[in-house]
Amino acid sequence: MDQTDKPNTSKAEILSTIERLKAMTPADPAWQLAINKALAKEEDAVIQKSVNEVKKELSKLPAEQQQMSFSFLPVDMTRISPFFPMSKTEMGHRPLEKLRWDNPWGVIEVQGERLSIFDESVLLAVLKLTKIKKSFTIVTTRNEICTSMGVSPSKDSYDAIWNCLKRLIYTGVGLELWEGKGKERKTVVRMAHTMLTGSIENKDKLTITINPYFEKMFLDNLTTSIDMDFRTSLKGDITKALYRFYEGQSQDIFKCHIDKLCDAVNIDKKLPKYTLRRHIRSGIKELVDKQYLVFGEINKQDIVIVKKVVRNIKRISH
């Protein structure tokens, strides 16, 4: 290629990037990331000005209202979760543990204090705010997190949220991605981080950065949407765990053995079988009453069968 062709080629690529950015919605964290990457690569002052103008115009667009109450979780974290239904007594004496999940595409490991459903609520609130604020590093307040969680602001709530943020920061997450099968399989990506990268509180402002794992899963479209308004309306921790699990399932009719379901939502299988059935039935009944499930039952073989109400929003649009 002639040297004189290079600037034109570079300009064409950048203009193509701008057109792609125009088609993206500003409600997506991917939008801010793409803007930042475009600016980082841009050396031509004229083109940079064009990118800035596109950014300015996109910032004027309203966020999609149907997504404003939605958070997200990586699909695998809806099916096998580090969050446990825990009593207040249990939350005061949390065991240290290491969880490992093997998948066809790799391995996820989580290590630290046992995490509760309340911890999951705080994480979901933070992830929801990353969507609203269009960034994987957000500036927020404990009051705003309370609002996202549907919790009344109070000193106790603020203290619980701060302690939860510290717990999530202290929780280690390992991710290993593979390519190929059998002897041909090789590791292509390894990641070791914490559930949240960090949080700094300065007066009333909190600056929170999420783990790159969540960022990668979101940008790779490997996430499931979680309706925070609906989740907040659920009373039981087990019901919330069941909602998370079933929302991560693609089929509307889902069957699995009660032992597998207990593993997925972290109900202690050492409990008597009649107690496990009672917990599951209670959670399913609430989801039916809330019109999330059409029906749910446990048959004589301890197979749990549910049918979900068909909804328009299943996954977060990127």
C-alpha atoms as a PDB file:
ATOM      1  CA  MET A   1       0.000   0.000   0.000  1.00  0.00           C
ATOM      2  CA  ASP A   2       1.219   3.513  -0.810  1.00  0.00           C
ATOM      3  CA  GLN A   3       2.118   5.560   2.269  1.00  0.00           C
ATOM      4  CA  THR A   4      -0.323   8.269   1.205  1.00  0.00           C
ATOM      5  CA  ASP A   5      -3.190   5.789   1.540  1.00  0.00           C
ATOM      6  CA  LYS A   6      -2.665   5.181   5.294  1.00  0.00           C
ATOM      7  CA  PRO A   7      -4.257   8.375   6.681  1.00  0.00           C
ATOM      8  CA  ASN A   8      -7.352   7.838   4.546  1.00  0.00           C
ATOM      9  CA  THR A   9      -7.618   4.228   5.683  1.00  0.00           C
ATOM     10  CA  SER A  10      -7.245   5.254   9.326  1.00  0.00           C
ATOM     11  CA  LYS A  11      -9.842   7.966   8.898  1.00  0.00           C
ATOM     12  CA  ALA A  12     -12.279   5.511   7.283  1.00  0.00           C
ATOM     13  CA  GLU A  13     -11.864   3.099  10.192  1.00  0.00           C
ATOM     14  CA  ILE A  14     -12.496   5.834  12.733  1.00  0.00           C
ATOM     15  CA  LEU A  15     -15.545   7.101  10.871  1.00  0.00           C
ATOM     16  CA  SER A  16     -16.834   3.516  10.826  1.00  0.00           C
ATOM     17  CA  THR A  17     -16.375   3.407  14.611  1.00  0.00           C
ATOM     18  CA  ILE A  18     -18.363   6.610  14.962  1.00  0.00           C
ATOM     19  CA  GLU A  19     -21.239   5.165  12.932  1.00  0.00           C
ATOM     20  CA  ARG A  20     -21.213   2.077  15.144  1.00  0.00           C
ATOM     21  CA  LEU A  21     -21.345   4.248  18.259  1.00  0.00           C
ATOM     22  CA  LYS A  22     -24.349   6.094  16.861  1.00  0.00           C
ATOM     23  CA  ALA A  23     -26.239   2.780  16.712  1.00  0.00           C
ATOM     24  CA  MET A  24     -25.484   1.939  20.355  1.00  0.00           C
ATOM     25  CA  THR A  25     -27.744   2.918  23.241  1.00  0.00           C
ATOM     26  CA  PRO A  26     -26.292   5.138  25.970  1.00  0.00           C
ATOM     27  CA  ALA A  27     -27.939   2.879  28.578  1.00  0.00           C
ATOM     28  CA  ASP A  28     -25.192   0.320  27.954  1.00  0.00           C
ATOM     29  CA  PRO A  29     -21.869   0.331  29.830  1.00  0.00           C
ATOM     30  CA  ALA A  30     -20.411  -0.829  26.485  1.00  0.00           C
ATOM     31  CA  TRP A  31     -21.184   2.638  25.132  1.00  0.00           C
ATOM     32  CA  GLN A  32     -18.801   4.425  27.500  1.00  0.00           C
ATOM     33  CA  LEU A  33     -16.144   1.760  27.025  1.00  0.00           C
ATOM     34  CA  ALA A  34     -16.337   2.047  23.233  1.00  0.00           C
ATOM     35  CA  ILE A  35     -16.158   5.831  23.431  1.00  0.00           C
ATOM     36  CA  ASN A  36     -13.070   5.655  25.636  1.00  0.00           C
ATOM     37  CA  LYS A  37     -11.352   3.194  23.299  1.00  0.00           C
ATOM     38  CA  ALA A  38     -12.142   5.367  20.276  1.00  0.00           C
ATOM     39  CA  LEU A  39     -10.675   8.407  21.994  1.00  0.00           C
ATOM     40  CA  ALA A  40      -7.599   6.512  23.156  1.00  0.00           C
ATOM     41  CA  LYS A  41      -6.771   5.438  19.597  1.00  0.00           C
ATOM     42  CA  GLU A  42      -7.573   8.797  18.061  1.00  0.00           C
ATOM     43  CA  GLU A  43      -4.678  11.079  17.128  1.00  0.00           C
ATOM     44  CA  ASP A  44      -6.348  13.222  14.507  1.00  0.00           C
ATOM     45  CA  ALA A  45      -7.815  16.353  16.148  1.00  0.00           C
ATOM     46  CA  VAL A  46     -10.591  16.681  13.583  1.00  0.00           C
ATOM     47  CA  ILE A  47     -11.791  13.119  14.020  1.00  0.00           C
ATOM     48  CA  GLN A  48     -11.521  13.389  17.817  1.00  0.00           C
ATOM     49  CA  LYS A  49     -13.786  16.419  17.659  1.00  0.00           C
ATOM     50  CA  SER A  50     -16.287  14.348  15.667  1.00  0.00           C
ATOM     51  CA  VAL A  51     -16.187  11.582  18.263  1.00  0.00           C
ATOM     52  CA  ASN A  52     -16.792  14.110  21.021  1.00  0.00           C
ATOM     53  CA  GLU A  53     -19.742  15.515  19.122  1.00  0.00           C
ATOM     54  CA  VAL A  54     -21.229  12.026  18.759  1.00  0.00           C
ATOM     55  CA  LYS A  55     -20.715  11.449  22.481  1.00  0.00           C
ATOM     56  CA  LYS A  56     -22.448  14.741  23.252  1.00  0.00           C
ATOM     57  CA  GLU A  57     -25.430  13.863  21.082  1.00  0.00           C
ATOM     58  CA  LEU A  58     -25.724  10.344  22.523  1.00  0.00           C
ATOM     59  CA  SER A  59     -25.709  11.748  26.063  1.00  0.00           C
ATOM     60  CA  LYS A  60     -28.895  13.666  25.248  1.00  0.00           C
ATOM     61  CA  LEU A  61     -30.844  10.507  24.464  1.00  0.00           C
ATOM     62  CA  PRO A  62     -33.148   9.188  27.224  1.00  0.00           C
ATOM     63  CA  ALA A  63     -32.339   5.828  28.797  1.00  0.00           C
ATOM     64  CA  GLU A  64     -34.632   2.973  27.895  1.00  0.00           C
ATOM     65  CA  GLN A  65     -37.302   3.092  30.590  1.00  0.00           C
ATOM     66  CA  GLN A  66     -38.014  -0.636  30.437  1.00  0.00           C
ATOM     67  CA  GLN A  67     -34.406  -1.330  31.436  1.00  0.00           C
ATOM     68  CA  MET A  68     -34.110   1.202  34.265  1.00  0.00           C
ATOM     69  CA  SER A  69     -35.127  -1.283  36.972  1.00  0.00           C
ATOM     70  CA  PHE A  70     -32.957  -4.089  35.597  1.00  0.00           C
ATOM     71  CA  SER A  71     -29.633  -5.316  36.891  1.00  0.00           C
ATOM     72  CA  PHE A  72     -27.674  -8.267  35.495  1.00  0.00           C
ATOM     73  CA  LEU A  73     -25.680 -11.323  36.484  1.00  0.00           C
ATOM     74  CA  PRO A  74     -23.380 -13.580  34.465  1.00  0.00           C
ATOM     75  CA  VAL A  75     -25.490 -16.535  33.300  1.00  0.00           C
ATOM     76  CA  ASP A  76     -23.418 -19.072  35.236  1.00  0.00           C
ATOM     77  CA  MET A  77     -23.870 -17.122  38.477  1.00  0.00           C
ATOM     78  CA  THR A  78     -27.647 -17.543  38.132  1.00  0.00           C
ATOM     79  CA  ARG A  79     -27.299 -21.317  37.978  1.00  0.00           C
ATOM     80  CA  ILE A  80     -24.588 -21.969  40.554  1.00  0.00           C
ATOM     81  CA  SER A  81     -24.284 -19.072  42.953  1.00  0.00           C
ATOM     82  CA  PRO A  82     -21.954 -18.016  45.803  1.00  0.00           C
ATOM     83  CA  PHE A  83     -24.907 -16.377  47.594  1.00  0.00           C
ATOM     84  CA  PHE A  84     -26.655 -18.303  50.390  1.00  0.00           C
ATOM     85  CA  PRO A  85     -29.977 -17.856  52.217  1.00  0.00           C
ATOM     86  CA  MET A  86     -28.708 -17.069  55.736  1.00  0.00           C
ATOM     87  CA  SER A  87     -30.317 -16.164  59.058  1.00  0.00           C
ATOM     88  CA  LYS A  88     -29.123 -13.136  61.028  1.00  0.00           C
ATOM     89  CA  THR A  89     -27.313 -15.512  63.398  1.00  0.00           C
ATOM     90  CA  GLU A  90     -25.533 -17.215  60.491  1.00  0.00           C
ATOM     91  CA  MET A  91     -24.554 -13.853  59.002  1.00  0.00           C
ATOM     92  CA  GLY A  92     -22.815 -13.049  62.278  1.00  0.00           C
ATOM     93  CA  HIS A  93     -20.658 -16.196  62.024  1.00  0.00           C
ATOM     94  CA  ARG A  94     -19.716 -16.620  58.368  1.00  0.00           C
ATOM     95  CA  PRO A  95     -17.465 -19.546  57.419  1.00  0.00           C
ATOM     96  CA  LEU A  96     -14.548 -19.065  55.050  1.00  0.00           C
ATOM     97  CA  GLU A  97     -14.989 -21.219  51.955  1.00  0.00           C
ATOM     98  CA  LYS A  98     -13.775 -21.836  48.440  1.00  0.00           C
ATOM     99  CA  LEU A  99     -16.274 -22.703  45.701  1.00  0.00           C
ATOM    100  CA  ARG A 100     -15.315 -24.070  42.287  1.00  0.00           C
ATOM    101  CA  TRP A 101     -17.554 -24.509  39.241  1.00  0.00           C
ATOM    102  CA  ASP A 102     -16.367 -26.409  36.171  1.00  0.00           C
ATOM    103  CA  ASN A 103     -17.986 -25.584  32.842  1.00  0.00           C
ATOM    104  CA  PRO A 104     -17.383 -26.772  29.264  1.00  0.00           C
ATOM    105  CA  TRP A 105     -15.716 -23.425  28.564  1.00  0.00           C
ATOM    106  CA  GLY A 106     -13.644 -23.054  31.734  1.00  0.00           C
ATOM    107  CA  VAL A 107     -13.565 -22.726  35.530  1.00  0.00           C
ATOM    108  CA  ILE A 108     -14.893 -20.161  38.009  1.00  0.00           C
ATOM    109  CA  GLU A 109     -13.609 -20.050  41.596  1.00  0.00           C
ATOM    110  CA  VAL A 110     -14.921 -17.870  44.448  1.00  0.00           C
ATOM    111  CA  GLN A 111     -13.101 -17.678  47.779  1.00  0.00           C
ATOM    112  CA  GLY A 112     -13.838 -15.719  50.965  1.00  0.00           C
ATOM    113  CA  GLU A 113     -16.495 -15.336  53.654  1.00  0.00           C
ATOM    114  CA  ARG A 114     -19.832 -16.943  52.858  1.00  0.00           C
ATOM    115  CA  LEU A 115     -22.015 -14.440  51.020  1.00  0.00           C
ATOM    116  CA  SER A 116     -25.691 -13.907  51.857  1.00  0.00           C
ATOM    117  CA  ILE A 117     -28.712 -12.990  49.734  1.00  0.00           C
ATOM    118  CA  PHE A 118     -28.357  -9.460  51.142  1.00  0.00           C
ATOM    119  CA  ASP A 119     -24.814  -9.357  49.722  1.00  0.00           C
ATOM    120  CA  GLU A 120     -26.274 -10.381  46.375  1.00  0.00           C
ATOM    121  CA  SER A 121     -28.812  -7.539  46.668  1.00  0.00           C
ATOM    122  CA  VAL A 122     -26.020  -4.998  47.154  1.00  0.00           C
ATOM    123  CA  LEU A 123     -24.031  -6.412  44.228  1.00  0.00           C
ATOM    124  CA  LEU A 124     -27.110  -6.308  41.988  1.00  0.00           C
ATOM    125  CA  ALA A 125     -27.762  -2.709  43.037  1.00  0.00           C
ATOM    126  CA  VAL A 126     -24.187  -1.761  42.101  1.00  0.00           C
ATOM    127  CA  LEU A 127     -24.421  -3.590  38.759  1.00  0.00           C
ATOM    128  CA  LYS A 128     -27.744  -1.868  38.069  1.00  0.00           C
ATOM    129  CA  LEU A 129     -26.084   1.504  38.696  1.00  0.00           C
ATOM    130  CA  THR A 130     -23.285   0.646  36.246  1.00  0.00           C
ATOM    131  CA  LYS A 131     -25.986   0.381  33.573  1.00  0.00           C
ATOM    132  CA  ILE A 132     -27.692   3.625  34.563  1.00  0.00           C
ATOM    133  CA  LYS A 133     -24.412   5.553  34.859  1.00  0.00           C
ATOM    134  CA  LYS A 134     -22.966   3.923  31.717  1.00  0.00           C
ATOM    135  CA  SER A 135     -19.649   3.046  33.350  1.00  0.00           C
ATOM    136  CA  PHE A 136     -17.973   0.138  35.142  1.00  0.00           C
ATOM    137  CA  THR A 137     -16.616   2.604  37.713  1.00  0.00           C
ATOM    138  CA  ILE A 138     -19.404   4.580  39.349  1.00  0.00           C
ATOM    139  CA  VAL A 139     -19.743   7.434  41.820  1.00  0.00           C
ATOM    140  CA  THR A 140     -22.762   6.868  44.035  1.00  0.00           C
ATOM    141  CA  THR A 141     -24.014   7.106  47.635  1.00  0.00           C
ATOM    142  CA  ARG A 142     -25.289   4.578  50.138  1.00  0.00           C
ATOM    143  CA  ASN A 143     -28.671   6.305  49.837  1.00  0.00           C
ATOM    144  CA  GLU A 144     -28.707   5.621  46.081  1.00  0.00           C
ATOM    145  CA  ILE A 145     -27.766   1.981  46.680  1.00  0.00           C
ATOM    146  CA  CYS A 146     -30.630   1.712  49.209  1.00  0.00           C
ATOM    147  CA  THR A 147     -33.013   3.094  46.583  1.00  0.00           C
ATOM    148  CA  SER A 148     -31.769   0.606  43.969  1.00  0.00           C
ATOM    149  CA  MET A 149     -32.260  -2.219  46.480  1.00  0.00           C
ATOM    150  CA  GLY A 150     -35.704  -1.028  47.583  1.00  0.00           C
ATOM    151  CA  VAL A 151     -34.437  -0.637  51.165  1.00  0.00           C
ATOM    152  CA  SER A 152     -35.340   2.259  53.462  1.00  0.00           C
ATOM    153  CA  PRO A 153     -32.290   4.480  54.123  1.00  0.00           C
ATOM    154  CA  SER A 154     -31.117   4.318  57.733  1.00  0.00           C
ATOM    155  CA  LYS A 155     -27.891   4.177  59.704  1.00  0.00           C
ATOM    156  CA  ASP A 156     -28.272   0.397  60.043  1.00  0.00           C
ATOM    157  CA  SER A 157     -28.813   0.049  56.279  1.00  0.00           C
ATOM    158  CA  TYR A 158     -25.816   2.274  55.540  1.00  0.00           C
ATOM    159  CA  ASP A 159     -23.581   0.281  57.884  1.00  0.00           C
ATOM    160  CA  ALA A 160     -24.788  -3.023  56.410  1.00  0.00           C
ATOM    161  CA  ILE A 161     -24.114  -1.794  52.857  1.00  0.00           C
ATOM    162  CA  TRP A 162     -20.602  -0.598  53.717  1.00  0.00           C
ATOM    163  CA  ASN A 163     -19.786  -3.919  55.435  1.00  0.00           C
ATOM    164  CA  CYS A 164     -21.182  -5.769  52.426  1.00  0.00           C
ATOM    165  CA  LEU A 165     -19.071  -3.725  49.999  1.00  0.00           C
ATOM    166  CA  LYS A 166     -15.969  -4.610  52.015  1.00  0.00           C
ATOM    167  CA  ARG A 167     -16.971  -8.288  52.010  1.00  0.00           C
ATOM    168  CA  LEU A 168     -17.426  -8.263  48.221  1.00  0.00           C
ATOM    169  CA  ILE A 169     -14.050  -6.555  47.810  1.00  0.00           C
ATOM    170  CA  TYR A 170     -12.418  -9.220  50.011  1.00  0.00           C
ATOM    171  CA  THR A 171     -14.052 -12.070  48.037  1.00  0.00           C
ATOM    172  CA  GLY A 172     -11.692 -13.476  45.408  1.00  0.00           C
ATOM    173  CA  VAL A 173     -12.884 -14.510  41.953  1.00  0.00           C
ATOM    174  CA  GLY A 174     -10.821 -16.640  39.583  1.00  0.00           C
ATOM    175  CA  LEU A 175     -11.735 -17.224  35.945  1.00  0.00           C
ATOM    176  CA  GLU A 176     -10.072 -19.519  33.415  1.00  0.00           C
ATOM    177  CA  LEU A 177     -11.321 -19.800  29.833  1.00  0.00           C
ATOM    178  CA  TRP A 178     -10.503 -22.701  27.524  1.00  0.00           C
ATOM    179  CA  GLU A 179     -10.488 -23.407  23.807  1.00  0.00           C
ATOM    180  CA  GLY A 180     -10.677 -26.818  22.184  1.00  0.00           C
ATOM    181  CA  LYS A 181     -11.477 -30.220  23.688  1.00  0.00           C
ATOM    182  CA  GLY A 182      -9.562 -33.129  25.160  1.00  0.00           C
ATOM    183  CA  LYS A 183      -5.836 -33.047  24.478  1.00  0.00           C
ATOM    184  CA  GLU A 184      -6.340 -30.068  22.173  1.00  0.00           C
ATOM    185  CA  ARG A 185      -7.791 -27.951  24.983  1.00  0.00           C
ATOM    186  CA  LYS A 186      -5.692 -24.983  26.036  1.00  0.00           C
ATOM    187  CA  THR A 187      -6.150 -22.056  28.392  1.00  0.00           C
ATOM    188  CA  VAL A 188      -6.637 -18.782  26.526  1.00  0.00           C
ATOM    189  CA  VAL A 189      -7.537 -16.375  29.365  1.00  0.00           C
ATOM    190  CA  ARG A 190      -6.866 -16.389  33.108  1.00  0.00           C
ATOM    191  CA  MET A 191      -8.240 -13.760  35.445  1.00  0.00           C
ATOM    192  CA  ALA A 192      -7.860 -13.367  39.211  1.00  0.00           C
ATOM    193  CA  HIS A 193      -9.626 -10.507  40.907  1.00  0.00           C
ATOM    194  CA  THR A 194     -12.105  -9.666  43.637  1.00  0.00           C
ATOM    195  CA  MET A 195     -15.912  -9.589  43.419  1.00  0.00           C
ATOM    196  CA  LEU A 196     -15.678  -5.801  43.477  1.00  0.00           C
ATOM    197  CA  THR A 197     -12.362  -4.195  42.592  1.00  0.00           C
ATOM    198  CA  GLY A 198     -12.603  -1.462  45.193  1.00  0.00           C
ATOM    199  CA  SER A 199     -14.669   1.171  46.955  1.00  0.00           C
ATOM    200  CA  ILE A 200     -13.610   4.563  48.288  1.00  0.00           C
ATOM    201  CA  GLU A 201     -15.908   6.634  50.473  1.00  0.00           C
ATOM    202  CA  ASN A 202     -15.160  10.358  50.669  1.00  0.00           C
ATOM    203  CA  LYS A 203     -17.725  12.119  52.841  1.00  0.00           C
ATOM    204  CA  ASP A 204     -21.045  10.978  51.313  1.00  0.00           C
ATOM    205  CA  LYS A 205     -19.681   9.872  47.925  1.00  0.00           C
ATOM    206  CA  LEU A 206     -18.786   6.269  47.092  1.00  0.00           C
ATOM    207  CA  THR A 207     -16.567   5.402  44.136  1.00  0.00           C
ATOM    208  CA  ILE A 208     -17.020   1.714  43.229  1.00  0.00           C
ATOM    209  CA  THR A 209     -15.258  -0.290  40.517  1.00  0.00           C
ATOM    210  CA  ILE A 210     -16.616  -3.697  39.521  1.00  0.00           C
ATOM    211  CA  ASN A 211     -14.647  -6.843  38.734  1.00  0.00           C
ATOM    212  CA  PRO A 212     -13.496  -7.198  35.078  1.00  0.00           C
ATOM    213  CA  TYR A 213     -15.240 -10.600  35.070  1.00  0.00           C
ATOM    214  CA  PHE A 214     -18.650  -8.891  35.193  1.00  0.00           C
ATOM    215  CA  GLU A 215     -17.491  -6.425  32.548  1.00  0.00           C
ATOM    216  CA  LYS A 216     -16.345  -9.236  30.256  1.00  0.00           C
ATOM    217  CA  MET A 217     -19.532 -11.259  30.696  1.00  0.00           C
ATOM    218  CA  PHE A 218     -21.646  -8.163  30.036  1.00  0.00           C
ATOM    219  CA  LEU A 219     -19.765  -7.110  26.922  1.00  0.00           C
ATOM    220  CA  ASP A 220     -19.745 -10.711  25.624  1.00  0.00           C
ATOM    221  CA  ASN A 221     -23.552 -10.802  26.092  1.00  0.00           C
ATOM    222  CA  LEU A 222     -23.315 -13.659  28.599  1.00  0.00           C
ATOM    223  CA  THR A 223     -25.598 -12.098  31.209  1.00  0.00           C
ATOM    224  CA  THR A 224     -29.150 -12.553  32.435  1.00  0.00           C
ATOM    225  CA  SER A 225     -31.358  -9.595  33.328  1.00  0.00           C
ATOM    226  CA  ILE A 226     -32.644  -9.365  36.902  1.00  0.00           C
ATOM    227  CA  ASP A 227     -35.709  -7.216  37.525  1.00  0.00           C
ATOM    228  CA  MET A 228     -34.822  -5.391  40.746  1.00  0.00           C
ATOM    229  CA  ASP A 229     -38.336  -4.038  41.314  1.00  0.00           C
ATOM    230  CA  PHE A 230     -39.778  -7.546  41.068  1.00  0.00           C
ATOM    231  CA  ARG A 231     -36.994  -9.057  43.183  1.00  0.00           C
ATOM    232  CA  THR A 232     -37.540  -6.453  45.912  1.00  0.00           C
ATOM    233  CA  SER A 233     -41.216  -7.434  46.074  1.00  0.00           C
ATOM    234  CA  LEU A 234     -40.251 -11.002  47.027  1.00  0.00           C
ATOM    235  CA  LYS A 235     -40.267 -11.667  50.778  1.00  0.00           C
ATOM    236  CA  GLY A 236     -38.229 -14.852  51.140  1.00  0.00           C
ATOM    237  CA  ASP A 237     -34.494 -15.226  50.530  1.00  0.00           C
ATOM    238  CA  ILE A 238     -35.128 -18.678  49.071  1.00  0.00           C
ATOM    239  CA  THR A 239     -37.747 -17.174  46.752  1.00  0.00           C
ATOM    240  CA  LYS A 240     -35.177 -14.606  45.559  1.00  0.00           C
ATOM    241  CA  ALA A 241     -32.653 -17.391  45.000  1.00  0.00           C
ATOM    242  CA  LEU A 242     -35.214 -19.429  43.021  1.00  0.00           C
ATOM    243  CA  TYR A 243     -36.091 -16.360  40.929  1.00  0.00           C
ATOM    244  CA  ARG A 244     -32.396 -15.835  40.105  1.00  0.00           C
ATOM    245  CA  PHE A 245     -32.009 -19.504  39.154  1.00  0.00           C
ATOM    246  CA  TYR A 246     -35.099 -19.741  36.959  1.00  0.00           C
ATOM    247  CA  GLU A 247     -34.363 -16.414  35.264  1.00  0.00           C
ATOM    248  CA  GLY A 248     -31.064 -17.915  34.122  1.00  0.00           C
ATOM    249  CA  GLN A 249     -32.844 -20.837  32.417  1.00  0.00           C
ATOM    250  CA  SER A 250     -33.679 -20.365  28.750  1.00  0.00           C
ATOM    251  CA  GLN A 251     -36.619 -22.783  28.645  1.00  0.00           C
ATOM    252  CA  ASP A 252     -40.040 -21.795  29.997  1.00  0.00           C
ATOM    253  CA  ILE A 253     -40.757 -25.301  31.358  1.00  0.00           C
ATOM    254  CA  PHE A 254     -37.918 -26.551  33.529  1.00  0.00           C
ATOM    255  CA  LYS A 255     -37.465 -29.847  35.383  1.00  0.00           C
ATOM    256  CA  CYS A 256     -34.719 -30.900  37.779  1.00  0.00           C
ATOM    257  CA  HIS A 257     -34.276 -33.082  40.853  1.00  0.00           C
ATOM    258  CA  ILE A 258     -34.760 -31.343  44.176  1.00  0.00           C
ATOM    259  CA  ASP A 259     -31.122 -32.098  45.137  1.00  0.00           C
ATOM    260  CA  LYS A 260     -29.838 -30.267  42.050  1.00  0.00           C
ATOM    261  CA  LEU A 261     -32.124 -27.325  42.767  1.00  0.00           C
ATOM    262  CA  CYS A 262     -30.938 -27.152  46.380  1.00  0.00           C
ATOM    263  CA  ASP A 263     -27.336 -27.084  45.136  1.00  0.00           C
ATOM    264  CA  ALA A 264     -28.202 -24.246  42.753  1.00  0.00           C
ATOM    265  CA  VAL A 265     -29.862 -22.035  45.380  1.00  0.00           C
ATOM    266  CA  ASN A 266     -27.632 -23.153  48.271  1.00  0.00           C
ATOM    267  CA  ILE A 267     -30.166 -24.849  50.538  1.00  0.00           C
ATOM    268  CA  ASP A 268     -28.456 -27.253  52.942  1.00  0.00           C
ATOM    269  CA  LYS A 269     -29.227 -30.783  51.699  1.00  0.00           C
ATOM    270  CA  LYS A 270     -28.460 -32.180  55.153  1.00  0.00           C
ATOM    271  CA  LEU A 271     -31.882 -30.926  56.220  1.00  0.00           C
ATOM    272  CA  PRO A 272     -34.665 -33.548  56.272  1.00  0.00           C
ATOM    273  CA  LYS A 273     -36.278 -34.098  52.881  1.00  0.00           C
ATOM    274  CA  TYR A 274     -39.668 -32.854  54.097  1.00  0.00           C
ATOM    275  CA  THR A 275     -37.993 -29.587  55.178  1.00  0.00           C
ATOM    276  CA  LEU A 276     -36.360 -29.185  51.768  1.00  0.00           C
ATOM    277  CA  ARG A 277     -39.706 -29.789  50.056  1.00  0.00           C
ATOM    278  CA  ARG A 278     -41.382 -27.239  52.335  1.00  0.00           C
ATOM    279  CA  HIS A 279     -38.749 -24.576  51.538  1.00  0.00           C
ATOM    280  CA  ILE A 280     -38.992 -25.180  47.782  1.00  0.00           C
ATOM    281  CA  ARG A 281     -42.806 -25.314  47.762  1.00  0.00           C
ATOM    282  CA  SER A 282     -42.990 -22.081  49.758  1.00  0.00           C
ATOM    283  CA  GLY A 283     -40.676 -20.299  47.318  1.00  0.00           C
ATOM    284  CA  ILE A 284     -42.507 -21.650  44.278  1.00  0.00           C
ATOM    285  CA  LYS A 285     -45.866 -20.614  45.737  1.00  0.00           C
ATOM    286  CA  GLU A 286     -44.664 -17.029  46.156  1.00  0.00           C
ATOM    287  CA  LEU A 287     -43.389 -16.963  42.561  1.00  0.00           C
ATOM    288  CA  VAL A 288     -46.775 -18.288  41.369  1.00  0.00           C
ATOM    289  CA  ASP A 289     -48.624 -15.724  43.508  1.00  0.00           C
ATOM    290  CA  LYS A 290     -46.414 -12.987  42.008  1.00  0.00           C
ATOM    291  CA  GLN A 291     -47.282 -14.306  38.521  1.00  0.00           C
ATOM    292  CA  TYR A 292     -43.687 -15.146  37.645  1.00  0.00           C
ATOM    293  CA  LEU A 293     -44.535 -18.856  37.411  1.00  0.00           C
ATOM    294  CA  VAL A 294     -47.671 -20.334  35.860  1.00  0.00           C
ATOM    295  CA  PHE A 295     -47.340 -23.379  38.100  1.00  0.00           C
ATOM    296  CA  GLY A 296     -44.803 -25.408  40.064  1.00  0.00           C
ATOM    297  CA  GLU A 297     -44.839 -28.828  41.707  1.00  0.00           C
ATOM    298  CA  ILE A 298     -42.661 -31.535  43.248  1.00  0.00           C
ATOM    299  CA  ASN A 299     -43.659 -34.983  42.037  1.00  0.00           C
ATOM    300  CA  LYS A 300     -43.276 -38.330  43.816  1.00  0.00           C
ATOM    301  CA  GLN A 301     -39.761 -38.765  42.399  1.00  0.00           C
ATOM    302  CA  ASP A 302     -38.743 -35.395  43.918  1.00  0.00           C
ATOM    303  CA  ILE A 303     -38.537 -33.810  40.471  1.00  0.00           C
ATOM    304  CA  VAL A 304     -39.319 -30.090  40.647  1.00  0.00           C
ATOM    305  CA  ILE A 305     -41.323 -28.966  37.609  1.00  0.00           C
ATOM    306  CA  VAL A 306     -42.132 -25.316  36.908  1.00  0.00           C
ATOM    307  CA  LYS A 307     -43.501 -23.295  34.024  1.00  0.00           C
ATOM    308  CA  LYS A 308     -42.540 -19.647  33.700  1.00  0.00           C
ATOM    309  CA  VAL A 309     -44.830 -16.894  32.455  1.00  0.00           C
ATOM    310  CA  VAL A 310     -43.560 -15.781  29.044  1.00  0.00           C
ATOM    311  CA  ARG A 311     -42.129 -12.273  29.249  1.00  0.00           C
ATOM    312  CA  ASN A 312     -40.806  -9.889  26.645  1.00  0.00           C
ATOM    313  CA  ILE A 313     -37.566  -9.021  28.452  1.00  0.00           C
ATOM    314  CA  LYS A 314     -35.299 -12.024  28.999  1.00  0.00           C
ATOM    315  CA  ARG A 315     -31.793 -10.726  28.522  1.00  0.00           C
ATOM    316  CA  ILE A 316     -30.252  -7.302  28.648  1.00  0.00           C
ATOM    317  CA  SER A 317     -29.850  -5.807  25.196  1.00  0.00           C
ATOM    318  CA  HIS A 318     -26.282  -4.581  24.683  1.00  0.00           C
END
